[in-house]
Each structure stands twice: as C-alpha cells, then as structure tokens.
C-alpha atoms as a PDB file:
ATOM      1  CA  MET A   1     -33.254   5.157  24.717  1.00  0.00           C
ATOM      2  CA  THR A   2     -30.375   3.164  23.230  1.00  0.00           C
ATOM      3  CA  ALA A   3     -28.951   4.221  19.888  1.00  0.00           C
ATOM      4  CA  PRO A   4     -30.138   2.094  16.840  1.00  0.00           C
ATOM      5  CA  ILE A   5     -27.496   0.161  15.145  1.00  0.00           C
ATOM      6  CA  PHE A   6     -27.752  -0.298  11.337  1.00  0.00           C
ATOM      7  CA  HIS A   7     -25.831  -2.918   8.872  1.00  0.00           C
ATOM      8  CA  PHE A   8     -24.552  -2.000   5.533  1.00  0.00           C
ATOM      9  CA  LYS A   9     -22.923  -4.398   3.067  1.00  0.00           C
ATOM     10  CA  SER A  10     -19.930  -2.326   1.914  1.00  0.00           C
ATOM     11  CA  GLN A  11     -18.860  -3.167  -1.732  1.00  0.00           C
ATOM     12  CA  LEU A  12     -15.547  -1.571  -1.033  1.00  0.00           C
ATOM     13  CA  LEU A  13     -14.852  -3.796   2.036  1.00  0.00           C
ATOM     14  CA  GLY A  14     -16.597  -6.828   0.766  1.00  0.00           C
ATOM     15  CA  ARG A  15     -18.168  -7.289   4.232  1.00  0.00           C
ATOM     16  CA  THR A  16     -21.360  -6.056   6.377  1.00  0.00           C
ATOM     17  CA  ILE A  17     -20.429  -3.015   8.869  1.00  0.00           C
ATOM     18  CA  LYS A  18     -22.414  -1.346  11.597  1.00  0.00           C
ATOM     19  CA  TRP A  19     -23.280   2.125  11.484  1.00  0.00           C
ATOM     20  CA  GLY A  20     -25.540   4.913  13.032  1.00  0.00           C
ATOM     21  CA  TRP A  21     -26.130   8.482  12.928  1.00  0.00           C
ATOM     22  CA  ASP A  22     -24.184  11.081  15.149  1.00  0.00           C
ATOM     23  CA  ASP A  23     -27.520  12.720  16.320  1.00  0.00           C
ATOM     24  CA  GLN A  24     -30.021  10.465  17.763  1.00  0.00           C
ATOM     25  CA  ILE A  25     -32.816  13.146  17.892  1.00  0.00           C
ATOM     26  CA  LYS A  26     -32.724  14.433  14.326  1.00  0.00           C
ATOM     27  CA  GLN A  27     -32.628  10.924  12.659  1.00  0.00           C
ATOM     28  CA  TYR A  28     -36.477  10.829  13.363  1.00  0.00           C
ATOM     29  CA  TRP A  29     -37.210  14.397  11.881  1.00  0.00           C
ATOM     30  CA  LYS A  30     -38.777  13.923   8.340  1.00  0.00           C
ATOM     31  CA  THR A  31     -37.359  17.329   7.194  1.00  0.00           C
ATOM     32  CA  TRP A  32     -33.936  16.216   8.387  1.00  0.00           C
ATOM     33  CA  HIS A  33     -31.306  16.038   5.324  1.00  0.00           C
ATOM     34  CA  PRO A  34     -28.227  14.128   6.762  1.00  0.00           C
ATOM     35  CA  LYS A  35     -24.905  14.652   5.302  1.00  0.00           C
ATOM     36  CA  VAL A  36     -21.904  12.317   5.116  1.00  0.00           C
ATOM     37  CA  SER A  37     -20.505  13.821   8.181  1.00  0.00           C
ATOM     38  CA  ASN A  38     -23.586  12.583  10.246  1.00  0.00           C
ATOM     39  CA  ILE A  39     -22.488   8.835   9.620  1.00  0.00           C
ATOM     40  CA  VAL A  40     -20.670   7.192  12.498  1.00  0.00           C
ATOM     41  CA  LEU A  41     -18.915   3.917  11.539  1.00  0.00           C
ATOM     42  CA  ILE A  42     -19.356   1.625  14.706  1.00  0.00           C
ATOM     43  CA  ASP A  43     -17.108  -1.553  13.145  1.00  0.00           C
ATOM     44  CA  GLU A  44     -13.275  -0.822  12.708  1.00  0.00           C
ATOM     45  CA  VAL A  45     -12.421   0.365   9.123  1.00  0.00           C
ATOM     46  CA  GLU A  46      -9.012   1.380   7.849  1.00  0.00           C
ATOM     47  CA  LYS A  47      -8.263   5.131   8.194  1.00  0.00           C
ATOM     48  CA  GLU A  48      -7.565   5.420   4.441  1.00  0.00           C
ATOM     49  CA  LEU A  49     -11.148   3.868   3.824  1.00  0.00           C
ATOM     50  CA  ARG A  50     -13.228   5.495   6.096  1.00  0.00           C
ATOM     51  CA  SER A  51     -14.243   8.413   3.979  1.00  0.00           C
ATOM     52  CA  LYS A  52     -14.759   6.152   0.938  1.00  0.00           C
ATOM     53  CA  VAL A  53     -17.023   3.924   3.030  1.00  0.00           C
ATOM     54  CA  LYS A  54     -19.108   6.722   4.210  1.00  0.00           C
ATOM     55  CA  ARG A  55     -19.676   8.103   0.912  1.00  0.00           C
ATOM     56  CA  GLU A  56     -20.539   4.742  -0.450  1.00  0.00           C
ATOM     57  CA  LEU A  57     -23.298   4.297   2.349  1.00  0.00           C
ATOM     58  CA  TYR A  58     -24.638   7.929   1.962  1.00  0.00           C
ATOM     59  CA  ASP A  59     -25.032   7.350  -1.738  1.00  0.00           C
ATOM     60  CA  ASP A  60     -26.903   4.089  -1.177  1.00  0.00           C
ATOM     61  CA  ILE A  61     -29.156   5.887   1.274  1.00  0.00           C
ATOM     62  CA  MET A  62     -29.730   9.055  -0.636  1.00  0.00           C
ATOM     63  CA  ASN A  63     -30.309   7.155  -3.939  1.00  0.00           C
ATOM     64  CA  PRO A  64     -32.145   3.785  -3.181  1.00  0.00           C
ATOM     65  CA  PRO A  65     -32.910   1.575  -6.075  1.00  0.00           C
ATOM     66  CA  SER A  66     -35.945   1.951  -7.758  1.00  0.00           C
ATOM     67  CA  LYS A  67     -38.832  -0.426  -7.233  1.00  0.00           C
ATOM     68  CA  LYS A  68     -40.472  -1.924 -10.259  1.00  0.00           C
ATOM     69  CA  LYS A  69     -44.151  -1.453 -10.145  1.00  0.00           C
ATOM     70  CA  GLY A  70     -46.170  -4.580  -9.937  1.00  0.00           C
ATOM     71  CA  ASN A  71     -43.218  -6.813  -9.581  1.00  0.00           C
ATOM     72  CA  TYR A  72     -42.790  -6.911  -5.935  1.00  0.00           C
ATOM     73  CA  PHE A  73     -42.138 -10.670  -5.759  1.00  0.00           C
ATOM     74  CA  ASN A  74     -39.003 -11.056  -8.347  1.00  0.00           C
END
C-alpha cells in the first residue's frame, strides 16, 4: 500500500504543498490524536519556515472552519 499524499494551501508560503503523516497505520485509527511532529512535508520548504508551516497545517486540521447549518451551497 502506498502512502497517501495530501495537499494544503499555505498562507505563509502562498502556494500549495504536499504532505503526509509519518505513521501510515495510526492515521486510520479513530482514537489517534496527531501531533505537529507527525506531519511530514513532502515538498521542499525553507528550513526556517518548516516548523511554522507545520504548525499552520496542524491548526487547520485540528480547527476546521465551522459549517453553516442549512446553507451548504454558498
């Protein structure tokens, strides 16, 4: 089985980057709580920005925007 690759549009970088999880088994567990350290950036990101981009991605995953009830088409 190949590792799934995800895409994320970073506001810090102004572009989309590819990323994945370091543990390819636990990512499917419903009880798993990932940490910033579990994120693997696949695309090249400057060393100084890597931790900031990982934190931005982690915050986006853990705090998704709320859905408006009954207004799914706007």
